[in-house]
């Protein structure tokens, strides 16, 4: 019996976990929804590296407004600034709400609802 077996097995398990995590990350960012939501409040949280923008809605829960390399979307500050409390918007969001991971859908586009 070789001593390399446990090490090789560990590499396979670590590789599978990395591939699985990458797959979840890609799927999360490619998942797209088109909800219509009324903004009830907004907040900008100062972080070490920039800001985290959040919007609170009646119908859609809490959403973040952030940049994402997967969609080449780097205008989150402009999208956040265009949202006004009390107004209703047709949104394009990516991602899912997973509370125990602190994940929330990301707003990548917003247009006033008709």
PDB file of N, CA and C in Angstrom:
ATOM      1  N   UNK A   1       0.844  -1.177   0.000  1.00  0.00           N
ATOM      2  CA  UNK A   1       0.000   0.000   0.000  1.00  0.00           C
ATOM      3  C   UNK A   1       0.887   1.237   0.000  1.00  0.00           C
ATOM      4  N   UNK A   2       0.560   2.197  -0.788  1.00  0.00           N
ATOM      5  CA  UNK A   2       1.356   3.415  -0.923  1.00  0.00           C
ATOM      6  C   UNK A   2       0.923   4.484   0.071  1.00  0.00           C
ATOM      7  N   UNK A   3       1.895   5.256   0.565  1.00  0.00           N
ATOM      8  CA  UNK A   3       1.594   6.368   1.468  1.00  0.00           C
ATOM      9  C   UNK A   3       1.015   7.557   0.719  1.00  0.00           C
ATOM     10  N   UNK A   4       1.083   7.563  -0.607  1.00  0.00           N
ATOM     11  CA  UNK A   4       0.584   8.682  -1.411  1.00  0.00           C
ATOM     12  C   UNK A   4      -0.939   8.675  -1.532  1.00  0.00           C
ATOM     13  N   UNK A   5      -1.563   7.546  -1.244  1.00  0.00           N
ATOM     14  CA  UNK A   5      -3.011   7.450  -1.422  1.00  0.00           C
ATOM     15  C   UNK A   5      -3.780   8.501  -0.625  1.00  0.00           C
ATOM     16  N   UNK A   6      -3.537   8.664   0.691  1.00  0.00           N
ATOM     17  CA  UNK A   6      -4.293   9.684   1.437  1.00  0.00           C
ATOM     18  C   UNK A   6      -4.061  11.090   0.885  1.00  0.00           C
ATOM     19  N   UNK A   7      -2.829  11.396   0.492  1.00  0.00           N
ATOM     20  CA  UNK A   7      -2.532  12.716  -0.061  1.00  0.00           C
ATOM     21  C   UNK A   7      -3.257  12.919  -1.394  1.00  0.00           C
ATOM     22  N   UNK A   8      -3.220  11.908  -2.254  1.00  0.00           N
ATOM     23  CA  UNK A   8      -3.903  11.984  -3.544  1.00  0.00           C
ATOM     24  C   UNK A   8      -5.411  12.109  -3.381  1.00  0.00           C
ATOM     25  N   UNK A   9      -5.947  11.382  -2.417  1.00  0.00           N
ATOM     26  CA  UNK A   9      -7.383  11.457  -2.129  1.00  0.00           C
ATOM     27  C   UNK A   9      -7.763  12.863  -1.656  1.00  0.00           C
ATOM     28  N   UNK A  10      -6.900  13.437  -0.812  1.00  0.00           N
ATOM     29  CA  UNK A  10      -7.148  14.798  -0.319  1.00  0.00           C
ATOM     30  C   UNK A  10      -7.157  15.799  -1.464  1.00  0.00           C
ATOM     31  N   UNK A  11      -6.233  15.617  -2.412  1.00  0.00           N
ATOM     32  CA  UNK A  11      -6.185  16.528  -3.562  1.00  0.00           C
ATOM     33  C   UNK A  11      -7.451  16.424  -4.405  1.00  0.00           C
ATOM     34  N   UNK A  12      -7.951  15.225  -4.565  1.00  0.00           N
ATOM     35  CA  UNK A  12      -9.185  15.025  -5.341  1.00  0.00           C
ATOM     36  C   UNK A  12     -10.362  15.706  -4.642  1.00  0.00           C
ATOM     37  N   UNK A  13     -10.463  15.535  -3.328  1.00  0.00           N
ATOM     38  CA  UNK A  13     -11.559  16.143  -2.569  1.00  0.00           C
ATOM     39  C   UNK A  13     -11.449  17.671  -2.621  1.00  0.00           C
ATOM     40  N   UNK A  14     -10.255  18.212  -2.408  1.00  0.00           N
ATOM     41  CA  UNK A  14     -10.059  19.666  -2.464  1.00  0.00           C
ATOM     42  C   UNK A  14     -10.370  20.193  -3.851  1.00  0.00           C
ATOM     43  N   UNK A  15      -9.933  19.490  -4.889  1.00  0.00           N
ATOM     44  CA  UNK A  15     -10.219  19.898  -6.263  1.00  0.00           C
ATOM     45  C   UNK A  15     -11.709  19.902  -6.545  1.00  0.00           C
ATOM     46  N   UNK A  16     -12.416  18.866  -6.064  1.00  0.00           N
ATOM     47  CA  UNK A  16     -13.866  18.797  -6.270  1.00  0.00           C
ATOM     48  C   UNK A  16     -14.568  19.940  -5.554  1.00  0.00           C
ATOM     49  N   UNK A  17     -14.125  20.260  -4.341  1.00  0.00           N
ATOM     50  CA  UNK A  17     -14.725  21.381  -3.605  1.00  0.00           C
ATOM     51  C   UNK A  17     -14.484  22.706  -4.321  1.00  0.00           C
ATOM     52  N   UNK A  18     -13.294  22.900  -4.852  1.00  0.00           N
ATOM     53  CA  UNK A  18     -12.992  24.142  -5.579  1.00  0.00           C
ATOM     54  C   UNK A  18     -13.831  24.265  -6.848  1.00  0.00           C
ATOM     55  N   UNK A  19     -13.957  23.178  -7.577  1.00  0.00           N
ATOM     56  CA  UNK A  19     -14.775  23.188  -8.795  1.00  0.00           C
ATOM     57  C   UNK A  19     -16.238  23.443  -8.432  1.00  0.00           C
ATOM     58  N   UNK A  20     -16.725  22.814  -7.359  1.00  0.00           N
ATOM     59  CA  UNK A  20     -18.104  23.033  -6.919  1.00  0.00           C
ATOM     60  C   UNK A  20     -18.348  24.468  -6.500  1.00  0.00           C
ATOM     61  N   UNK A  21     -17.404  25.047  -5.741  1.00  0.00           N
ATOM     62  CA  UNK A  21     -17.548  26.446  -5.308  1.00  0.00           C
ATOM     63  C   UNK A  21     -17.542  27.391  -6.503  1.00  0.00           C
ATOM     64  N   UNK A  22     -16.672  27.140  -7.463  1.00  0.00           N
ATOM     65  CA  UNK A  22     -16.624  27.984  -8.665  1.00  0.00           C
ATOM     66  C   UNK A  22     -17.933  27.866  -9.440  1.00  0.00           C
ATOM     67  N   UNK A  23     -18.461  26.645  -9.528  1.00  0.00           N
ATOM     68  CA  UNK A  23     -19.727  26.443 -10.235  1.00  0.00           C
ATOM     69  C   UNK A  23     -20.878  27.175  -9.575  1.00  0.00           C
ATOM     70  N   UNK A  24     -20.918  27.153  -8.241  1.00  0.00           N
ATOM     71  CA  UNK A  24     -21.971  27.874  -7.520  1.00  0.00           C
ATOM     72  C   UNK A  24     -21.820  29.371  -7.742  1.00  0.00           C
ATOM     73  N   UNK A  25     -20.597  29.869  -7.690  1.00  0.00           N
ATOM     74  CA  UNK A  25     -20.353  31.297  -7.914  1.00  0.00           C
ATOM     75  C   UNK A  25     -20.792  31.743  -9.294  1.00  0.00           C
ATOM     76  N   UNK A  26     -20.485  30.953 -10.287  1.00  0.00           N
ATOM     77  CA  UNK A  26     -20.880  31.295 -11.658  1.00  0.00           C
ATOM     78  C   UNK A  26     -22.394  31.224 -11.800  1.00  0.00           C
ATOM     79  N   UNK A  27     -23.006  30.134 -11.310  1.00  0.00           N
ATOM     80  CA  UNK A  27     -24.464  29.988 -11.415  1.00  0.00           C
ATOM     81  C   UNK A  27     -25.176  31.112 -10.688  1.00  0.00           C
ATOM     82  N   UNK A  28     -24.665  31.493  -9.512  1.00  0.00           N
ATOM     83  CA  UNK A  28     -25.277  32.572  -8.726  1.00  0.00           C
ATOM     84  C   UNK A  28     -25.296  33.874  -9.523  1.00  0.00           C
ATOM     85  N   UNK A  29     -24.213  34.173 -10.202  1.00  0.00           N
ATOM     86  CA  UNK A  29     -24.121  35.425 -10.930  1.00  0.00           C
ATOM     87  C   UNK A  29     -24.790  35.387 -12.294  1.00  0.00           C
ATOM     88  N   UNK A  30     -25.052  34.217 -12.808  1.00  0.00           N
ATOM     89  CA  UNK A  30     -25.751  34.119 -14.087  1.00  0.00           C
ATOM     90  C   UNK A  30     -27.260  34.005 -13.919  1.00  0.00           C
ATOM     91  N   UNK A  31     -27.715  33.661 -12.712  1.00  0.00           N
ATOM     92  CA  UNK A  31     -29.156  33.583 -12.438  1.00  0.00           C
ATOM     93  C   UNK A  31     -29.745  35.000 -12.493  1.00  0.00           C
ATOM     94  N   UNK A  32     -30.742  35.192 -13.336  1.00  0.00           N
ATOM     95  CA  UNK A  32     -31.303  36.533 -13.541  1.00  0.00           C
ATOM     96  C   UNK A  32     -32.813  36.512 -13.325  1.00  0.00           C
ATOM     97  N   UNK A  33     -33.309  37.544 -12.654  1.00  0.00           N
ATOM     98  CA  UNK A  33     -34.747  37.726 -12.474  1.00  0.00           C
ATOM     99  C   UNK A  33     -35.114  39.152 -12.853  1.00  0.00           C
ATOM    100  N   UNK A  34     -36.428  39.379 -13.118  1.00  0.00           N
ATOM    101  CA  UNK A  34     -36.930  40.678 -13.555  1.00  0.00           C
ATOM    102  C   UNK A  34     -38.112  41.109 -12.682  1.00  0.00           C
ATOM    103  N   UNK A  35     -37.876  41.377 -11.390  1.00  0.00           N
ATOM    104  CA  UNK A  35     -38.996  41.771 -10.515  1.00  0.00           C
ATOM    105  C   UNK A  35     -39.349  43.249 -10.662  1.00  0.00           C
ATOM    106  N   UNK A  36     -40.550  43.583 -10.248  1.00  0.00           N
ATOM    107  CA  UNK A  36     -40.984  44.977 -10.118  1.00  0.00           C
ATOM    108  C   UNK A  36     -41.112  45.248  -8.627  1.00  0.00           C
ATOM    109  N   UNK A  37     -40.365  46.249  -8.141  1.00  0.00           N
ATOM    110  CA  UNK A  37     -40.265  46.476  -6.698  1.00  0.00           C
ATOM    111  C   UNK A  37     -40.405  47.962  -6.374  1.00  0.00           C
ATOM    112  N   UNK A  38     -41.028  48.249  -5.223  1.00  0.00           N
ATOM    113  CA  UNK A  38     -41.140  49.611  -4.710  1.00  0.00           C
ATOM    114  C   UNK A  38     -40.069  49.812  -3.646  1.00  0.00           C
ATOM    115  N   UNK A  39     -39.244  50.831  -3.816  1.00  0.00           N
ATOM    116  CA  UNK A  39     -38.159  51.120  -2.881  1.00  0.00           C
ATOM    117  C   UNK A  39     -38.744  51.801  -1.640  1.00  0.00           C
ATOM    118  N   UNK A  40     -38.486  51.221  -0.460  1.00  0.00           N
ATOM    119  CA  UNK A  40     -38.970  51.817   0.783  1.00  0.00           C
ATOM    120  C   UNK A  40     -37.858  52.533   1.545  1.00  0.00           C
ATOM    121  N   UNK A  41     -36.609  52.113   1.345  1.00  0.00           N
ATOM    122  CA  UNK A  41     -35.472  52.755   2.024  1.00  0.00           C
ATOM    123  C   UNK A  41     -34.182  52.366   1.301  1.00  0.00           C
ATOM    124  N   UNK A  42     -33.149  53.161   1.536  1.00  0.00           N
ATOM    125  CA  UNK A  42     -31.832  52.905   0.962  1.00  0.00           C
ATOM    126  C   UNK A  42     -30.779  53.121   2.045  1.00  0.00           C
ATOM    127  N   UNK A  43     -29.646  52.417   1.921  1.00  0.00           N
ATOM    128  CA  UNK A  43     -28.525  52.698   2.813  1.00  0.00           C
ATOM    129  C   UNK A  43     -27.214  52.418   2.096  1.00  0.00           C
ATOM    130  N   UNK A  44     -26.223  53.202   2.444  1.00  0.00           N
ATOM    131  CA  UNK A  44     -24.876  53.040   1.935  1.00  0.00           C
ATOM    132  C   UNK A  44     -23.974  52.783   3.134  1.00  0.00           C
ATOM    133  N   UNK A  45     -23.355  51.631   3.153  1.00  0.00           N
ATOM    134  CA  UNK A  45     -22.525  51.236   4.284  1.00  0.00           C
ATOM    135  C   UNK A  45     -21.057  51.404   3.892  1.00  0.00           C
ATOM    136  N   UNK A  46     -20.322  52.208   4.648  1.00  0.00           N
ATOM    137  CA  UNK A  46     -18.897  52.402   4.386  1.00  0.00           C
ATOM    138  C   UNK A  46     -18.131  51.139   4.766  1.00  0.00           C
ATOM    139  N   UNK A  47     -17.318  50.666   3.846  1.00  0.00           N
ATOM    140  CA  UNK A  47     -16.464  49.500   4.075  1.00  0.00           C
ATOM    141  C   UNK A  47     -15.014  49.939   3.923  1.00  0.00           C
ATOM    142  N   UNK A  48     -14.078  49.059   4.252  1.00  0.00           N
ATOM    143  CA  UNK A  48     -12.666  49.386   4.084  1.00  0.00           C
ATOM    144  C   UNK A  48     -12.354  49.725   2.631  1.00  0.00           C
ATOM    145  N   UNK A  49     -12.974  49.001   1.736  1.00  0.00           N
ATOM    146  CA  UNK A  49     -12.741  49.218   0.307  1.00  0.00           C
ATOM    147  C   UNK A  49     -14.038  49.649  -0.358  1.00  0.00           C
ATOM    148  N   UNK A  50     -14.393  50.907  -0.247  1.00  0.00           N
ATOM    149  CA  UNK A  50     -15.580  51.425  -0.912  1.00  0.00           C
ATOM    150  C   UNK A  50     -16.827  51.374  -0.061  1.00  0.00           C
ATOM    151  N   UNK A  51     -17.960  51.168  -0.737  1.00  0.00           N
ATOM    152  CA  UNK A  51     -19.268  51.154  -0.087  1.00  0.00           C
ATOM    153  C   UNK A  51     -20.021  49.896  -0.457  1.00  0.00           C
ATOM    154  N   UNK A  52     -20.970  49.561   0.381  1.00  0.00           N
ATOM    155  CA  UNK A  52     -21.936  48.529   0.046  1.00  0.00           C
ATOM    156  C   UNK A  52     -23.292  49.220   0.017  1.00  0.00           C
ATOM    157  N   UNK A  53     -23.958  49.143  -1.104  1.00  0.00           N
ATOM    158  CA  UNK A  53     -25.249  49.781  -1.276  1.00  0.00           C
ATOM    159  C   UNK A  53     -26.357  48.748  -1.094  1.00  0.00           C
ATOM    160  N   UNK A  54     -27.368  49.103  -0.317  1.00  0.00           N
ATOM    161  CA  UNK A  54     -28.532  48.234  -0.120  1.00  0.00           C
ATOM    162  C   UNK A  54     -29.801  49.026  -0.325  1.00  0.00           C
ATOM    163  N   UNK A  55     -30.802  48.353  -0.882  1.00  0.00           N
ATOM    164  CA  UNK A  55     -32.126  48.952  -1.013  1.00  0.00           C
ATOM    165  C   UNK A  55     -33.130  47.991  -0.388  1.00  0.00           C
ATOM    166  N   UNK A  56     -34.120  48.568   0.265  1.00  0.00           N
ATOM    167  CA  UNK A  56     -35.168  47.798   0.921  1.00  0.00           C
ATOM    168  C   UNK A  56     -36.440  48.005   0.116  1.00  0.00           C
ATOM    169  N   UNK A  57     -37.180  46.939  -0.128  1.00  0.00           N
ATOM    170  CA  UNK A  57     -38.367  47.009  -0.973  1.00  0.00           C
ATOM    171  C   UNK A  57     -39.561  46.366  -0.279  1.00  0.00           C
ATOM    172  N   UNK A  58     -40.748  46.709  -0.768  1.00  0.00           N
ATOM    173  CA  UNK A  58     -41.970  46.089  -0.248  1.00  0.00           C
ATOM    174  C   UNK A  58     -42.099  44.649  -0.730  1.00  0.00           C
ATOM    175  N   UNK A  59     -41.895  44.438  -2.017  1.00  0.00           N
ATOM    176  CA  UNK A  59     -42.194  43.154  -2.639  1.00  0.00           C
ATOM    177  C   UNK A  59     -41.007  42.207  -2.732  1.00  0.00           C
ATOM    178  N   UNK A  60     -39.813  42.738  -2.760  1.00  0.00           N
ATOM    179  CA  UNK A  60     -38.634  41.924  -3.108  1.00  0.00           C
ATOM    180  C   UNK A  60     -37.640  41.740  -1.972  1.00  0.00           C
ATOM    181  N   UNK A  61     -37.936  42.263  -0.801  1.00  0.00           N
ATOM    182  CA  UNK A  61     -36.998  42.126   0.305  1.00  0.00           C
ATOM    183  C   UNK A  61     -35.812  43.081   0.180  1.00  0.00           C
ATOM    184  N   UNK A  62     -34.706  42.698   0.775  1.00  0.00           N
ATOM    185  CA  UNK A  62     -33.496  43.514   0.740  1.00  0.00           C
ATOM    186  C   UNK A  62     -32.656  43.102  -0.464  1.00  0.00           C
ATOM    187  N   UNK A  63     -32.208  44.094  -1.204  1.00  0.00           N
ATOM    188  CA  UNK A  63     -31.367  43.861  -2.378  1.00  0.00           C
ATOM    189  C   UNK A  63     -30.085  44.653  -2.217  1.00  0.00           C
ATOM    190  N   UNK A  64     -29.008  44.174  -2.828  1.00  0.00           N
ATOM    191  CA  UNK A  64     -27.790  44.974  -2.851  1.00  0.00           C
ATOM    192  C   UNK A  64     -27.641  45.549  -4.250  1.00  0.00           C
ATOM    193  N   UNK A  65     -26.869  46.604  -4.343  1.00  0.00           N
ATOM    194  CA  UNK A  65     -26.532  47.188  -5.634  1.00  0.00           C
ATOM    195  C   UNK A  65     -25.008  47.198  -5.679  1.00  0.00           C
ATOM    196  N   UNK A  66     -24.452  46.293  -6.457  1.00  0.00           N
ATOM    197  CA  UNK A  66     -23.001  46.159  -6.474  1.00  0.00           C
ATOM    198  C   UNK A  66     -22.464  45.870  -7.865  1.00  0.00           C
ATOM    199  N   UNK A  67     -21.184  46.131  -8.017  1.00  0.00           N
ATOM    200  CA  UNK A  67     -20.504  45.813  -9.265  1.00  0.00           C
ATOM    201  C   UNK A  67     -20.321  44.305  -9.374  1.00  0.00           C
ATOM    202  N   UNK A  68     -20.259  43.800 -10.594  1.00  0.00           N
ATOM    203  CA  UNK A  68     -20.004  42.379 -10.803  1.00  0.00           C
ATOM    204  C   UNK A  68     -19.200  42.183 -12.078  1.00  0.00           C
ATOM    205  N   UNK A  69     -18.094  41.500 -11.931  1.00  0.00           N
ATOM    206  CA  UNK A  69     -17.226  41.248 -13.081  1.00  0.00           C
ATOM    207  C   UNK A  69     -17.869  40.261 -14.050  1.00  0.00           C
ATOM    208  N   UNK A  70     -18.729  39.373 -13.541  1.00  0.00           N
ATOM    209  CA  UNK A  70     -19.356  38.358 -14.389  1.00  0.00           C
ATOM    210  C   UNK A  70     -20.191  38.979 -15.499  1.00  0.00           C
ATOM    211  N   UNK A  71     -20.795  40.127 -15.231  1.00  0.00           N
ATOM    212  CA  UNK A  71     -21.636  40.800 -16.223  1.00  0.00           C
ATOM    213  C   UNK A  71     -20.991  42.073 -16.746  1.00  0.00           C
ATOM    214  N   UNK A  72     -19.731  42.311 -16.355  1.00  0.00           N
ATOM    215  CA  UNK A  72     -19.018  43.531 -16.742  1.00  0.00           C
ATOM    216  C   UNK A  72     -19.842  44.759 -16.349  1.00  0.00           C
ATOM    217  N   UNK A  73     -20.382  44.717 -15.146  1.00  0.00           N
ATOM    218  CA  UNK A  73     -21.233  45.786 -14.608  1.00  0.00           C
ATOM    219  C   UNK A  73     -20.450  46.527 -13.526  1.00  0.00           C
ATOM    220  N   UNK A  74     -20.055  47.766 -13.822  1.00  0.00           N
ATOM    221  CA  UNK A  74     -19.228  48.540 -12.895  1.00  0.00           C
ATOM    222  C   UNK A  74     -19.822  49.921 -12.638  1.00  0.00           C
ATOM    223  N   UNK A  75     -21.148  50.010 -12.619  1.00  0.00           N
ATOM    224  CA  UNK A  75     -21.810  51.305 -12.421  1.00  0.00           C
ATOM    225  C   UNK A  75     -22.806  51.253 -11.272  1.00  0.00           C
ATOM    226  N   UNK A  76     -22.458  50.539 -10.229  1.00  0.00           N
ATOM    227  CA  UNK A  76     -23.395  50.364  -9.116  1.00  0.00           C
ATOM    228  C   UNK A  76     -23.741  51.687  -8.433  1.00  0.00           C
ATOM    229  N   UNK A  77     -22.795  52.598  -8.322  1.00  0.00           N
ATOM    230  CA  UNK A  77     -23.085  53.886  -7.674  1.00  0.00           C
ATOM    231  C   UNK A  77     -24.137  54.658  -8.465  1.00  0.00           C
ATOM    232  N   UNK A  78     -24.068  54.600  -9.783  1.00  0.00           N
ATOM    233  CA  UNK A  78     -25.049  55.295 -10.616  1.00  0.00           C
ATOM    234  C   UNK A  78     -26.435  54.648 -10.504  1.00  0.00           C
ATOM    235  N   UNK A  79     -26.465  53.318 -10.499  1.00  0.00           N
ATOM    236  CA  UNK A  79     -27.745  52.618 -10.351  1.00  0.00           C
ATOM    237  C   UNK A  79     -28.349  52.949  -8.984  1.00  0.00           C
ATOM    238  N   UNK A  80     -27.536  52.911  -7.949  1.00  0.00           N
ATOM    239  CA  UNK A  80     -28.006  53.224  -6.595  1.00  0.00           C
ATOM    240  C   UNK A  80     -28.555  54.648  -6.527  1.00  0.00           C
ATOM    241  N   UNK A  81     -27.843  55.598  -7.119  1.00  0.00           N
ATOM    242  CA  UNK A  81     -28.278  56.999  -7.094  1.00  0.00           C
ATOM    243  C   UNK A  81     -29.585  57.206  -7.859  1.00  0.00           C
ATOM    244  N   UNK A  82     -29.854  56.363  -8.851  1.00  0.00           N
ATOM    245  CA  UNK A  82     -31.067  56.534  -9.663  1.00  0.00           C
ATOM    246  C   UNK A  82     -32.319  56.001  -8.958  1.00  0.00           C
ATOM    247  N   UNK A  83     -32.157  55.245  -7.884  1.00  0.00           N
ATOM    248  CA  UNK A  83     -33.298  54.685  -7.156  1.00  0.00           C
ATOM    249  C   UNK A  83     -33.776  55.667  -6.097  1.00  0.00           C
ATOM    250  N   UNK A  84     -35.078  55.919  -6.057  1.00  0.00           N
ATOM    251  CA  UNK A  84     -35.658  56.885  -5.121  1.00  0.00           C
ATOM    252  C   UNK A  84     -36.722  56.209  -4.264  1.00  0.00           C
ATOM    253  N   UNK A  85     -36.699  56.516  -2.983  1.00  0.00           N
ATOM    254  CA  UNK A  85     -37.673  55.946  -2.056  1.00  0.00           C
ATOM    255  C   UNK A  85     -39.094  56.317  -2.473  1.00  0.00           C
ATOM    256  N   UNK A  86     -39.990  55.339  -2.378  1.00  0.00           N
ATOM    257  CA  UNK A  86     -41.389  55.551  -2.741  1.00  0.00           C
ATOM    258  C   UNK A  86     -41.688  55.305  -4.207  1.00  0.00           C
ATOM    259  N   UNK A  87     -40.660  55.136  -5.015  1.00  0.00           N
ATOM    260  CA  UNK A  87     -40.845  54.888  -6.451  1.00  0.00           C
ATOM    261  C   UNK A  87     -40.795  53.391  -6.731  1.00  0.00           C
ATOM    262  N   UNK A  88     -41.462  52.987  -7.826  1.00  0.00           N
ATOM    263  CA  UNK A  88     -41.492  51.593  -8.245  1.00  0.00           C
ATOM    264  C   UNK A  88     -40.652  51.420  -9.501  1.00  0.00           C
ATOM    265  N   UNK A  89     -39.868  50.337  -9.532  1.00  0.00           N
ATOM    266  CA  UNK A  89     -38.930  50.103 -10.630  1.00  0.00           C
ATOM    267  C   UNK A  89     -39.044  48.678 -11.149  1.00  0.00           C
ATOM    268  N   UNK A  90     -38.800  48.547 -12.457  1.00  0.00           N
ATOM    269  CA  UNK A  90     -38.584  47.237 -13.062  1.00  0.00           C
ATOM    270  C   UNK A  90     -37.089  46.990 -12.938  1.00  0.00           C
ATOM    271  N   UNK A  91     -36.726  45.928 -12.231  1.00  0.00           N
ATOM    272  CA  UNK A  91     -35.326  45.657 -11.951  1.00  0.00           C
ATOM    273  C   UNK A  91     -34.838  44.429 -12.695  1.00  0.00           C
ATOM    274  N   UNK A  92     -33.562  44.381 -12.917  1.00  0.00           N
ATOM    275  CA  UNK A  92     -32.890  43.152 -13.320  1.00  0.00           C
ATOM    276  C   UNK A  92     -31.936  42.832 -12.184  1.00  0.00           C
ATOM    277  N   UNK A  93     -32.117  41.650 -11.594  1.00  0.00           N
ATOM    278  CA  UNK A  93     -31.267  41.227 -10.485  1.00  0.00           C
ATOM    279  C   UNK A  93     -30.566  39.921 -10.831  1.00  0.00           C
ATOM    280  N   UNK A  94     -29.431  39.713 -10.203  1.00  0.00           N
ATOM    281  CA  UNK A  94     -28.719  38.445 -10.333  1.00  0.00           C
ATOM    282  C   UNK A  94     -28.507  37.876  -8.939  1.00  0.00           C
ATOM    283  N   UNK A  95     -28.407  36.574  -8.857  1.00  0.00           N
ATOM    284  CA  UNK A  95     -28.127  35.926  -7.579  1.00  0.00           C
ATOM    285  C   UNK A  95     -29.381  35.536  -6.825  1.00  0.00           C
ATOM    286  N   UNK A  96     -29.158  34.963  -5.648  1.00  0.00           N
ATOM    287  CA  UNK A  96     -30.238  34.459  -4.815  1.00  0.00           C
ATOM    288  C   UNK A  96     -30.148  35.049  -3.418  1.00  0.00           C
ATOM    289  N   UNK A  97     -31.231  34.963  -2.669  1.00  0.00           N
ATOM    290  CA  UNK A  97     -31.227  35.343  -1.259  1.00  0.00           C
ATOM    291  C   UNK A  97     -30.935  34.084  -0.446  1.00  0.00           C
ATOM    292  N   UNK A  98     -29.798  34.083   0.229  1.00  0.00           N
ATOM    293  CA  UNK A  98     -29.414  32.989   1.121  1.00  0.00           C
ATOM    294  C   UNK A  98     -29.022  33.638   2.445  1.00  0.00           C
ATOM    295  N   UNK A  99     -29.978  33.744   3.385  1.00  0.00           N
ATOM    296  CA  UNK A  99     -29.743  34.506   4.610  1.00  0.00           C
ATOM    297  C   UNK A  99     -28.532  34.062   5.431  1.00  0.00           C
ATOM    298  N   UNK A 100     -28.320  32.756   5.606  1.00  0.00           N
ATOM    299  CA  UNK A 100     -27.231  32.331   6.476  1.00  0.00           C
ATOM    300  C   UNK A 100     -25.851  32.585   5.852  1.00  0.00           C
ATOM    301  N   UNK A 101     -25.793  32.874   4.561  1.00  0.00           N
ATOM    302  CA  UNK A 101     -24.538  33.271   3.911  1.00  0.00           C
ATOM    303  C   UNK A 101     -24.482  34.776   3.668  1.00  0.00           C
ATOM    304  N   UNK A 102     -25.521  35.491   4.082  1.00  0.00           N
ATOM    305  CA  UNK A 102     -25.645  36.940   3.858  1.00  0.00           C
ATOM    306  C   UNK A 102     -25.622  37.288   2.373  1.00  0.00           C
ATOM    307  N   UNK A 103     -26.153  36.385   1.546  1.00  0.00           N
ATOM    308  CA  UNK A 103     -26.284  36.660   0.117  1.00  0.00           C
ATOM    309  C   UNK A 103     -27.626  37.311  -0.126  1.00  0.00           C
ATOM    310  N   UNK A 104     -27.656  38.273  -1.018  1.00  0.00           N
ATOM    311  CA  UNK A 104     -28.911  38.869  -1.458  1.00  0.00           C
ATOM    312  C   UNK A 104     -28.797  39.170  -2.946  1.00  0.00           C
ATOM    313  N   UNK A 105     -29.912  39.197  -3.655  1.00  0.00           N
ATOM    314  CA  UNK A 105     -29.855  39.508  -5.083  1.00  0.00           C
ATOM    315  C   UNK A 105     -29.197  40.867  -5.324  1.00  0.00           C
ATOM    316  N   UNK A 106     -28.499  40.971  -6.440  1.00  0.00           N
ATOM    317  CA  UNK A 106     -27.784  42.183  -6.814  1.00  0.00           C
ATOM    318  C   UNK A 106     -28.525  42.887  -7.947  1.00  0.00           C
ATOM    319  N   UNK A 107     -28.860  44.146  -7.746  1.00  0.00           N
ATOM    320  CA  UNK A 107     -29.527  44.938  -8.791  1.00  0.00           C
ATOM    321  C   UNK A 107     -28.469  45.389  -9.800  1.00  0.00           C
ATOM    322  N   UNK A 108     -28.646  44.992 -11.061  1.00  0.00           N
ATOM    323  CA  UNK A 108     -27.702  45.410 -12.101  1.00  0.00           C
ATOM    324  C   UNK A 108     -28.325  46.420 -13.063  1.00  0.00           C
ATOM    325  N   UNK A 109     -29.657  46.525 -13.025  1.00  0.00           N
ATOM    326  CA  UNK A 109     -30.321  47.508 -13.883  1.00  0.00           C
ATOM    327  C   UNK A 109     -31.669  47.879 -13.265  1.00  0.00           C
ATOM    328  N   UNK A 110     -32.035  49.171 -13.386  1.00  0.00           N
ATOM    329  CA  UNK A 110     -33.303  49.633 -12.844  1.00  0.00           C
ATOM    330  C   UNK A 110     -33.901  50.671 -13.790  1.00  0.00           C
ATOM    331  N   UNK A 111     -35.183  50.479 -14.124  1.00  0.00           N
ATOM    332  CA  UNK A 111     -35.905  51.466 -14.932  1.00  0.00           C
ATOM    333  C   UNK A 111     -37.235  51.745 -14.230  1.00  0.00           C
ATOM    334  N   UNK A 112     -37.715  52.969 -14.256  1.00  0.00           N
ATOM    335  CA  UNK A 112     -39.008  53.268 -13.636  1.00  0.00           C
ATOM    336  C   UNK A 112     -40.107  52.391 -14.214  1.00  0.00           C
ATOM    337  N   UNK A 113     -40.954  51.855 -13.351  1.00  0.00           N
ATOM    338  CA  UNK A 113     -42.070  51.000 -13.804  1.00  0.00           C
ATOM    339  C   UNK A 113     -43.118  51.874 -14.480  1.00  0.00           C
ATOM    340  N   UNK A 114     -43.781  51.280 -15.453  1.00  0.00           N
ATOM    341  CA  UNK A 114     -44.823  52.008 -16.191  1.00  0.00           C
ATOM    342  C   UNK A 114     -46.164  51.755 -15.607  1.00  0.00           C
TER     343      UNK A 114
END
